[in-house]
Amino acid sequence: MLQATRLAAQELLIEQAWLRVGAEPFERFAAALDAPPHANEQLRRTMAAPRPWKS
């Protein structure tokens, strides 16, 4: 199910936006997406909040 959702989201994004960038800016962008998030107070609160689907 997650795979189908991911594919549908990718298709939607591809249909709505095209962006041309060079190889080096793309590599930096991809690295930023692949990097783990930096811990901060808002992220800690979000991760500690009760999950609606578990109530």
Protein backbone atom coordinates (compact mmCIF):
# COMPACT_ATOMS: atom_id res chain seq x y z
CA MET A 1 0.00 0.00 0.00
CA LEU A 2 2.82 2.41 0.81
CA GLN A 3 4.46 1.61 -2.52
CA ALA A 4 1.24 2.42 -4.41
CA THR A 5 0.84 5.67 -2.50
CA ARG A 6 4.43 6.62 -3.19
CA LEU A 7 4.09 5.91 -6.90
CA ALA A 8 0.86 7.92 -7.12
CA ALA A 9 2.53 10.87 -5.38
CA GLN A 10 5.51 10.69 -7.73
CA GLU A 11 3.27 10.65 -10.78
CA LEU A 12 1.33 13.64 -9.49
CA LEU A 13 4.50 15.61 -8.87
CA ILE A 14 5.93 14.73 -12.26
CA GLU A 15 2.75 15.92 -13.95
CA GLN A 16 2.73 19.23 -12.10
CA ALA A 17 6.32 20.44 -12.10
CA TRP A 18 9.47 20.15 -14.15
CA LEU A 19 12.65 21.63 -12.81
CA ARG A 20 15.99 21.63 -14.58
CA VAL A 21 19.14 21.76 -12.51
CA GLY A 22 22.74 20.91 -13.12
CA ALA A 23 24.35 17.74 -11.80
CA GLU A 24 26.12 19.39 -8.86
CA PRO A 25 23.09 21.27 -7.49
CA PHE A 26 21.00 18.13 -7.91
CA GLU A 27 23.55 16.06 -5.98
CA ARG A 28 23.48 18.58 -3.11
CA PHE A 29 19.67 18.57 -3.14
CA ALA A 30 19.51 14.75 -3.15
CA ALA A 31 22.05 14.58 -0.31
CA ALA A 32 19.95 17.01 1.75
CA LEU A 33 16.86 14.86 1.21
CA ASP A 34 18.72 11.67 2.10
CA ALA A 35 20.34 13.10 5.24
CA PRO A 36 18.68 12.39 8.57
CA PRO A 37 16.76 15.32 10.02
CA HIS A 38 18.56 17.55 12.48
CA ALA A 39 17.10 17.13 15.94
CA ASN A 40 15.25 20.17 17.21
CA GLU A 41 12.55 20.89 19.77
CA GLN A 42 9.69 20.88 17.27
CA LEU A 43 10.81 17.51 15.86
CA ARG A 44 11.07 16.08 19.39
CA ARG A 45 7.52 17.27 20.23
CA THR A 46 6.16 15.88 16.98
CA MET A 47 7.78 12.50 17.49
CA ALA A 48 6.57 12.36 21.11
CA ALA A 49 2.97 13.30 20.28
CA PRO A 50 0.33 10.56 20.41
CA ARG A 51 -0.36 8.99 17.03
CA PRO A 52 -4.02 9.42 16.01
CA TRP A 53 -4.09 5.96 14.44
CA LYS A 54 -3.01 4.36 17.73
CA SER A 55 -5.75 5.81 19.91
